C-alpha atoms as a PDB file:
ATOM      1  CA  MET A   1      40.041  32.173 -35.070  1.00  0.00           C
ATOM      2  CA  PHE A   2      38.451  32.190 -38.507  1.00  0.00           C
ATOM      3  CA  ILE A   3      34.917  31.554 -37.150  1.00  0.00           C
ATOM      4  CA  THR A   4      35.404  34.018 -34.285  1.00  0.00           C
ATOM      5  CA  GLN A   5      36.455  36.775 -36.662  1.00  0.00           C
ATOM      6  CA  LEU A   6      33.563  36.003 -38.984  1.00  0.00           C
ATOM      7  CA  LEU A   7      31.005  36.146 -36.150  1.00  0.00           C
ATOM      8  CA  ARG A   8      32.500  39.261 -34.593  1.00  0.00           C
ATOM      9  CA  THR A   9      32.437  41.163 -37.865  1.00  0.00           C
ATOM     10  CA  ASN A  10      28.875  40.055 -38.655  1.00  0.00           C
ATOM     11  CA  ARG A  11      27.253  40.553 -35.226  1.00  0.00           C
ATOM     12  CA  LYS A  12      24.143  42.227 -36.630  1.00  0.00           C
ATOM     13  CA  THR A  13      23.533  39.429 -39.113  1.00  0.00           C
ATOM     14  CA  LEU A  14      24.025  36.847 -36.351  1.00  0.00           C
ATOM     15  CA  PHE A  15      21.496  38.673 -34.156  1.00  0.00           C
ATOM     16  CA  LEU A  16      19.040  38.761 -37.064  1.00  0.00           C
ATOM     17  CA  SER A  17      19.448  34.988 -37.529  1.00  0.00           C
ATOM     18  CA  LEU A  18      18.777  34.357 -33.821  1.00  0.00           C
ATOM     19  CA  TRP A  19      15.740  36.650 -33.937  1.00  0.00           C
ATOM     20  CA  MET A  20      14.329  34.740 -36.902  1.00  0.00           C
ATOM     21  CA  ALA A  21      14.902  31.410 -35.167  1.00  0.00           C
ATOM     22  CA  ILE A  22      13.241  32.344 -31.858  1.00  0.00           C
ATOM     23  CA  MET A  23      10.491  34.887 -32.545  1.00  0.00           C
ATOM     24  CA  PRO A  24       8.199  32.809 -34.835  1.00  0.00           C
ATOM     25  CA  LEU A  25       7.595  30.230 -32.083  1.00  0.00           C
ATOM     26  CA  THR A  26       7.028  32.889 -29.414  1.00  0.00           C
ATOM     27  CA  VAL A  27       4.572  35.089 -31.334  1.00  0.00           C
ATOM     28  CA  SER A  28       2.686  32.171 -32.948  1.00  0.00           C
ATOM     29  CA  SER A  29       2.050  30.761 -29.440  1.00  0.00           C
ATOM     30  CA  VAL A  30       0.373  34.028 -28.406  1.00  0.00           C
ATOM     31  CA  ILE A  31      -1.704  34.152 -31.605  1.00  0.00           C
ATOM     32  CA  SER A  32      -2.684  30.490 -31.154  1.00  0.00           C
ATOM     33  CA  TYR A  33      -4.041  31.207 -27.667  1.00  0.00           C
ATOM     34  CA  TYR A  34      -6.046  34.179 -28.961  1.00  0.00           C
ATOM     35  CA  ALA A  35      -7.405  32.215 -31.947  1.00  0.00           C
ATOM     36  CA  ILE A  36      -8.526  29.284 -29.772  1.00  0.00           C
ATOM     37  CA  THR A  37     -10.230  31.475 -27.179  1.00  0.00           C
ATOM     38  CA  HIS A  38     -11.924  33.702 -29.795  1.00  0.00           C
ATOM     39  CA  GLU A  39     -12.659  31.153 -32.530  1.00  0.00           C
ATOM     40  CA  ALA A  40     -16.371  32.046 -32.744  1.00  0.00           C
ATOM     41  CA  LEU A  41     -15.563  35.746 -33.165  1.00  0.00           C
ATOM     42  CA  ILE A  42     -12.937  35.075 -35.838  1.00  0.00           C
ATOM     43  CA  ARG A  43     -15.457  33.039 -37.858  1.00  0.00           C
ATOM     44  CA  GLN A  44     -17.561  36.197 -38.175  1.00  0.00           C
ATOM     45  CA  PHE A  45     -14.794  38.198 -39.862  1.00  0.00           C
ATOM     46  CA  ASP A  46     -15.751  39.527 -43.303  1.00  0.00           C
ATOM     47  CA  ILE A  47     -13.559  39.445 -46.402  1.00  0.00           C
ATOM     48  CA  ALA A  48     -12.242  42.974 -45.749  1.00  0.00           C
ATOM     49  CA  THR A  49     -11.032  41.942 -42.294  1.00  0.00           C
ATOM     50  CA  TRP A  50      -9.316  38.859 -43.722  1.00  0.00           C
ATOM     51  CA  LEU A  51      -7.605  40.956 -46.379  1.00  0.00           C
ATOM     52  CA  ILE A  52      -6.255  43.253 -43.653  1.00  0.00           C
ATOM     53  CA  LEU A  53      -5.079  40.247 -41.605  1.00  0.00           C
ATOM     54  CA  LEU A  54      -3.343  38.650 -44.597  1.00  0.00           C
ATOM     55  CA  LEU A  55      -1.741  42.000 -45.412  1.00  0.00           C
ATOM     56  CA  ALA A  56      -0.489  42.130 -41.831  1.00  0.00           C
ATOM     57  CA  SER A  57       0.825  38.562 -42.190  1.00  0.00           C
ATOM     58  CA  CYS A  58       3.140  39.784 -44.974  1.00  0.00           C
ATOM     59  CA  PHE A  59       4.967  41.786 -42.309  1.00  0.00           C
ATOM     60  CA  THR A  60       4.708  39.211 -39.515  1.00  0.00           C
ATOM     61  CA  MET A  61       6.234  36.551 -41.807  1.00  0.00           C
ATOM     62  CA  GLY A  62       8.741  38.981 -43.327  1.00  0.00           C
ATOM     63  CA  PHE A  63       9.955  40.091 -39.885  1.00  0.00           C
ATOM     64  CA  ALA A  64       9.874  36.488 -38.614  1.00  0.00           C
ATOM     65  CA  LEU A  65       7.026  36.915 -36.130  1.00  0.00           C
ATOM     66  CA  THR A  66       4.910  34.070 -37.523  1.00  0.00           C
ATOM     67  CA  PRO A  67       5.917  30.877 -39.388  1.00  0.00           C
ATOM     68  CA  THR A  68       4.523  30.453 -42.906  1.00  0.00           C
ATOM     69  CA  THR A  69       3.142  26.985 -42.062  1.00  0.00           C
ATOM     70  CA  PHE A  70       1.214  28.468 -39.131  1.00  0.00           C
ATOM     71  CA  ILE A  71      -0.377  31.111 -41.389  1.00  0.00           C
ATOM     72  CA  ALA A  72      -1.248  28.431 -43.962  1.00  0.00           C
ATOM     73  CA  LEU A  73      -2.924  26.208 -41.345  1.00  0.00           C
ATOM     74  CA  LEU A  74      -4.985  29.046 -39.842  1.00  0.00           C
ATOM     75  CA  SER A  75      -5.996  30.404 -43.250  1.00  0.00           C
ATOM     76  CA  GLY A  76      -7.079  26.951 -44.394  1.00  0.00           C
ATOM     77  CA  PHE A  77      -9.087  26.373 -41.222  1.00  0.00           C
ATOM     78  CA  PHE A  78     -11.062  29.622 -41.395  1.00  0.00           C
ATOM     79  CA  LEU A  79     -11.201  30.246 -45.158  1.00  0.00           C
ATOM     80  CA  GLY A  80     -10.656  26.857 -46.811  1.00  0.00           C
ATOM     81  CA  MET A  81      -8.738  26.337 -50.046  1.00  0.00           C
ATOM     82  CA  GLN A  82      -9.944  29.687 -51.396  1.00  0.00           C
ATOM     83  CA  ALA A  83      -7.295  31.239 -49.128  1.00  0.00           C
ATOM     84  CA  ALA A  84      -4.492  29.746 -51.265  1.00  0.00           C
ATOM     85  CA  PRO A  85      -3.953  32.644 -53.741  1.00  0.00           C
ATOM     86  CA  LEU A  86      -3.912  35.217 -50.931  1.00  0.00           C
ATOM     87  CA  VAL A  87      -1.536  33.165 -48.758  1.00  0.00           C
ATOM     88  CA  VAL A  88       0.847  32.578 -51.691  1.00  0.00           C
ATOM     89  CA  LEU A  89       0.798  36.316 -52.429  1.00  0.00           C
ATOM     90  CA  ALA A  90       1.355  37.083 -48.732  1.00  0.00           C
ATOM     91  CA  TYR A  91       4.437  34.909 -48.366  1.00  0.00           C
ATOM     92  CA  THR A  92       5.816  36.237 -51.662  1.00  0.00           C
ATOM     93  CA  VAL A  93       5.591  39.773 -50.280  1.00  0.00           C
ATOM     94  CA  ALA A  94       7.040  38.469 -46.992  1.00  0.00           C
ATOM     95  CA  SER A  95      10.005  37.084 -48.952  1.00  0.00           C
ATOM     96  CA  VAL A  96      10.681  40.528 -50.421  1.00  0.00           C
ATOM     97  CA  ILE A  97      10.487  42.094 -46.957  1.00  0.00           C
ATOM     98  CA  GLY A  98      12.827  39.466 -45.477  1.00  0.00           C
ATOM     99  CA  PHE A  99      15.283  39.841 -48.363  1.00  0.00           C
ATOM    100  CA  GLN A 100      15.388  43.636 -48.081  1.00  0.00           C
ATOM    101  CA  LEU A 101      15.646  43.501 -44.281  1.00  0.00           C
ATOM    102  CA  THR A 102      18.691  41.222 -44.531  1.00  0.00           C
ATOM    103  CA  HIS A 103      20.298  43.479 -47.137  1.00  0.00           C
ATOM    104  CA  PHE A 104      19.640  46.529 -44.952  1.00  0.00           C
ATOM    105  CA  ILE A 105      21.343  44.887 -41.961  1.00  0.00           C
ATOM    106  CA  ASP A 106      24.094  42.966 -43.755  1.00  0.00           C
ATOM    107  CA  ASN A 107      24.682  45.357 -46.693  1.00  0.00           C
ATOM    108  CA  GLY A 108      27.164  42.955 -48.302  1.00  0.00           C
ATOM    109  CA  LEU A 109      29.303  42.768 -45.149  1.00  0.00           C
ATOM    110  CA  PHE A 110      29.344  38.950 -45.009  1.00  0.00           C
ATOM    111  CA  LEU A 111      30.696  38.560 -48.538  1.00  0.00           C
ATOM    112  CA  HIS A 112      33.159  41.392 -47.954  1.00  0.00           C
ATOM    113  CA  THR A 113      34.371  39.665 -44.765  1.00  0.00           C
ATOM    114  CA  ILE A 114      34.917  36.395 -46.649  1.00  0.00           C
ATOM    115  CA  LYS A 115      37.002  38.156 -49.300  1.00  0.00           C
ATOM    116  CA  GLN A 116      39.135  39.930 -46.682  1.00  0.00           C
ATOM    117  CA  LEU A 117      40.008  36.883 -44.582  1.00  0.00           C
ATOM    118  CA  PRO A 118      43.561  35.578 -45.054  1.00  0.00           C
ATOM    119  CA  GLY A 119      44.569  32.011 -45.873  1.00  0.00           C
ATOM    120  CA  LYS A 120      43.119  29.189 -47.928  1.00  0.00           C
ATOM    121  CA  LYS A 121      39.804  29.033 -46.082  1.00  0.00           C
ATOM    122  CA  ALA A 122      38.762  32.415 -47.467  1.00  0.00           C
ATOM    123  CA  ALA A 123      39.529  31.299 -51.023  1.00  0.00           C
ATOM    124  CA  GLN A 124      37.656  28.018 -50.499  1.00  0.00           C
ATOM    125  CA  LEU A 125      34.588  29.764 -49.094  1.00  0.00           C
ATOM    126  CA  ASP A 126      34.713  32.321 -51.879  1.00  0.00           C
ATOM    127  CA  ARG A 127      34.728  29.542 -54.487  1.00  0.00           C
ATOM    128  CA  PHE A 128      31.867  27.770 -52.735  1.00  0.00           C
ATOM    129  CA  LEU A 129      29.773  30.956 -52.764  1.00  0.00           C
ATOM    130  CA  GLU A 130      30.696  31.400 -56.425  1.00  0.00           C
ATOM    131  CA  GLY A 131      29.320  27.924 -57.116  1.00  0.00           C
ATOM    132  CA  LEU A 132      26.177  28.653 -55.113  1.00  0.00           C
ATOM    133  CA  GLN A 133      25.548  31.841 -57.078  1.00  0.00           C
ATOM    134  CA  GLY A 134      25.983  29.895 -60.319  1.00  0.00           C
ATOM    135  CA  ASN A 135      23.208  27.483 -59.264  1.00  0.00           C
ATOM    136  CA  GLN A 136      20.961  29.964 -57.514  1.00  0.00           C
ATOM    137  CA  PHE A 137      17.577  29.001 -58.918  1.00  0.00           C
ATOM    138  CA  GLY A 138      17.773  25.281 -58.176  1.00  0.00           C
ATOM    139  CA  ILE A 139      19.309  25.722 -54.728  1.00  0.00           C
ATOM    140  CA  ILE A 140      16.652  28.261 -53.713  1.00  0.00           C
ATOM    141  CA  VAL A 141      13.853  25.920 -54.870  1.00  0.00           C
ATOM    142  CA  MET A 142      15.319  23.030 -52.868  1.00  0.00           C
ATOM    143  CA  ALA A 143      15.886  25.220 -49.797  1.00  0.00           C
ATOM    144  CA  ARG A 144      12.273  26.408 -49.891  1.00  0.00           C
ATOM    145  CA  ILE A 145      10.860  22.910 -50.461  1.00  0.00           C
ATOM    146  CA  SER A 146      12.743  21.589 -47.428  1.00  0.00           C
ATOM    147  CA  PRO A 147      10.481  21.354 -44.356  1.00  0.00           C
ATOM    148  CA  VAL A 148      13.485  21.583 -42.013  1.00  0.00           C
ATOM    149  CA  LEU A 149      14.898  24.860 -43.355  1.00  0.00           C
ATOM    150  CA  PRO A 150      12.694  27.607 -41.840  1.00  0.00           C
ATOM    151  CA  PHE A 151      11.351  30.340 -44.128  1.00  0.00           C
ATOM    152  CA  ALA A 152      12.717  33.125 -41.913  1.00  0.00           C
ATOM    153  CA  ILE A 153      16.225  31.641 -41.611  1.00  0.00           C
ATOM    154  CA  MET A 154      16.440  31.223 -45.388  1.00  0.00           C
ATOM    155  CA  ASN A 155      15.488  34.904 -45.677  1.00  0.00           C
ATOM    156  CA  VAL A 156      18.844  35.598 -44.017  1.00  0.00           C
ATOM    157  CA  ILE A 157      21.147  32.868 -45.329  1.00  0.00           C
ATOM    158  CA  LEU A 158      20.288  33.114 -49.036  1.00  0.00           C
ATOM    159  CA  PRO A 159      20.560  36.914 -49.388  1.00  0.00           C
ATOM    160  CA  ILE A 160      23.882  37.129 -47.516  1.00  0.00           C
ATOM    161  CA  ALA A 161      25.192  34.369 -49.811  1.00  0.00           C
ATOM    162  CA  GLY A 162      24.605  36.706 -52.752  1.00  0.00           C
ATOM    163  CA  VAL A 163      21.442  35.413 -54.451  1.00  0.00           C
ATOM    164  CA  THR A 164      19.549  37.939 -56.571  1.00  0.00           C
ATOM    165  CA  LEU A 165      16.119  39.240 -55.561  1.00  0.00           C
ATOM    166  CA  LYS A 166      14.482  38.092 -58.816  1.00  0.00           C
ATOM    167  CA  LYS A 167      15.610  34.473 -58.434  1.00  0.00           C
ATOM    168  CA  PHE A 168      14.970  34.565 -54.692  1.00  0.00           C
ATOM    169  CA  ILE A 169      11.320  35.455 -55.310  1.00  0.00           C
ATOM    170  CA  LEU A 170      10.631  33.283 -58.383  1.00  0.00           C
ATOM    171  CA  ALA A 171      12.432  30.162 -57.172  1.00  0.00           C
ATOM    172  CA  GLY A 172      11.306  30.706 -53.579  1.00  0.00           C
ATOM    173  CA  THR A 173       7.640  30.939 -54.534  1.00  0.00           C
ATOM    174  CA  LEU A 174       7.933  27.807 -56.659  1.00  0.00           C
ATOM    175  CA  GLY A 175       9.633  25.916 -53.834  1.00  0.00           C
ATOM    176  CA  MET A 176       7.188  27.036 -51.126  1.00  0.00           C
ATOM    177  CA  LEU A 177       4.089  26.269 -53.193  1.00  0.00           C
ATOM    178  CA  PRO A 178       3.749  22.481 -52.540  1.00  0.00           C
ATOM    179  CA  ARG A 179       3.997  22.596 -48.759  1.00  0.00           C
ATOM    180  CA  THR A 180       1.934  25.795 -48.470  1.00  0.00           C
ATOM    181  CA  LEU A 181      -0.955  24.364 -50.494  1.00  0.00           C
ATOM    182  CA  PHE A 182      -0.756  21.134 -48.524  1.00  0.00           C
ATOM    183  CA  PHE A 183      -0.967  22.847 -45.118  1.00  0.00           C
ATOM    184  CA  ILE A 184      -3.832  25.068 -46.279  1.00  0.00           C
ATOM    185  CA  TRP A 185      -5.619  21.828 -47.207  1.00  0.00           C
ATOM    186  CA  ILE A 186      -4.781  20.293 -43.801  1.00  0.00           C
ATOM    187  CA  GLY A 187      -6.311  23.373 -42.173  1.00  0.00           C
ATOM    188  CA  SER A 188      -9.420  23.222 -44.349  1.00  0.00           C
ATOM    189  CA  GLU A 189     -10.016  19.578 -43.357  1.00  0.00           C
ATOM    190  CA  ALA A 190      -9.605  20.120 -39.602  1.00  0.00           C
ATOM    191  CA  GLN A 191     -12.638  19.956 -37.341  1.00  0.00           C
ATOM    192  CA  GLU A 192     -11.247  21.720 -34.257  1.00  0.00           C
ATOM    193  CA  LEU A 193      -8.841  24.656 -34.144  1.00  0.00           C
ATOM    194  CA  GLN A 194      -7.081  23.579 -30.953  1.00  0.00           C
ATOM    195  CA  THR A 195      -6.385  20.104 -32.347  1.00  0.00           C
ATOM    196  CA  LEU A 196      -5.164  21.653 -35.605  1.00  0.00           C
ATOM    197  CA  ILE A 197      -2.732  23.992 -33.856  1.00  0.00           C
ATOM    198  CA  GLU A 198      -1.447  21.337 -31.468  1.00  0.00           C
ATOM    199  CA  GLU A 199      -1.287  18.416 -33.897  1.00  0.00           C
ATOM    200  CA  GLY A 200      -1.599  19.912 -37.399  1.00  0.00           C
ATOM    201  CA  GLU A 201       1.957  19.060 -38.393  1.00  0.00           C
ATOM    202  CA  GLY A 202       1.778  15.747 -36.542  1.00  0.00           C
ATOM    203  CA  ASP A 203      -1.033  14.409 -38.713  1.00  0.00           C
ATOM    204  CA  PRO A 204       0.000  11.053 -40.309  1.00  0.00           C
ATOM    205  CA  THR A 205      -0.588  12.441 -43.803  1.00  0.00           C
ATOM    206  CA  ALA A 206       1.408  15.561 -42.922  1.00  0.00           C
ATOM    207  CA  GLN A 207       4.265  13.380 -41.696  1.00  0.00           C
ATOM    208  CA  VAL A 208       4.331  11.444 -44.981  1.00  0.00           C
ATOM    209  CA  VAL A 209       4.432  14.701 -46.947  1.00  0.00           C
ATOM    210  CA  PHE A 210       7.129  16.001 -44.565  1.00  0.00           C
ATOM    211  CA  PHE A 211       9.427  13.089 -45.377  1.00  0.00           C
ATOM    212  CA  VAL A 212       8.670  13.264 -49.105  1.00  0.00           C
ATOM    213  CA  LEU A 213       9.538  16.976 -49.205  1.00  0.00           C
ATOM    214  CA  LEU A 214      12.608  16.347 -47.071  1.00  0.00           C
ATOM    215  CA  ALA A 215      13.785  13.575 -49.434  1.00  0.00           C
ATOM    216  CA  VAL A 216      13.221  15.774 -52.500  1.00  0.00           C
ATOM    217  CA  SER A 217      15.082  18.714 -50.970  1.00  0.00           C
ATOM    218  CA  LEU A 218      18.011  16.566 -49.767  1.00  0.00           C
ATOM    219  CA  ALA A 219      18.322  14.904 -53.175  1.00  0.00           C
ATOM    220  CA  GLY A 220      18.214  18.296 -54.897  1.00  0.00           C
ATOM    221  CA  LEU A 221      20.731  19.925 -52.551  1.00  0.00           C
ATOM    222  CA  PHE A 222      23.022  16.884 -52.907  1.00  0.00           C
ATOM    223  CA  TYR A 223      22.814  17.217 -56.696  1.00  0.00           C
ATOM    224  CA  TYR A 224      23.725  20.909 -56.639  1.00  0.00           C
ATOM    225  CA  GLY A 225      26.373  20.284 -53.991  1.00  0.00           C
ATOM    226  CA  ARG A 226      28.047  17.777 -56.303  1.00  0.00           C
ATOM    227  CA  ARG A 227      27.914  20.251 -59.192  1.00  0.00           C
ATOM    228  CA  ILE A 228      29.583  22.930 -57.080  1.00  0.00           C
ATOM    229  CA  LEU A 229      32.191  20.479 -55.778  1.00  0.00           C
ATOM    230  CA  ARG A 230      32.952  19.193 -59.280  1.00  0.00           C
ATOM    231  CA  LYS A 231      33.489  22.752 -60.519  1.00  0.00           C
ATOM    232  CA  TYR A 232      35.662  23.481 -57.501  1.00  0.00           C
ATOM    233  CA  VAL A 233      37.821  20.395 -58.140  1.00  0.00           C
ATOM    234  CA  GLU A 234      38.209  21.347 -61.806  1.00  0.00           C
ATOM    235  CA  LYS A 235      39.468  24.781 -60.805  1.00  0.00           C
END
């Protein structure tokens, strides 16, 4: 009953979450096909064209049409490590777009729903969200470092949980930096675009980094989870 009421009241936010889970895979598959079949043409793009494409990627990532890792791999392949500052700037802008999109759709409804629900569960969830908001910076960093928590999904979950835009951007950029730089490097070292797209994240080195980032994020989230739980128990 509790979950049903929560989902029914927040239908738009649920739809947004589903959109951000499905669309990145669908659109990136189409772009991958185009990039592979037109690789020679893409290599002739000048800097102005790349700036336009990276500007467009701010919106494709912000509206969950392309995964950030996919953009990092392609940028590294065609531009090398010099793409890093532009890609970091692009996903920072994409974070702002995703944050504002979630606020436009949710408009505080999720938190309002939690506060209006009867019974102990509402009070428990409210306290948990209180604890999350008190540890925003660290939790956002760990959520962004995690390779299993998609960029687009976090653009929904974190804003509806009440994080501030300033911390969302600062901590999010810090958390995304290691894996973004790494996948730009993976792209820059690749010899063939098709192999990169099909196996880029399956590279042995990439797998090692995946598990390192996963371990760091799990340890960090466990640490902050304990802090929130300890505060909850004290109350």
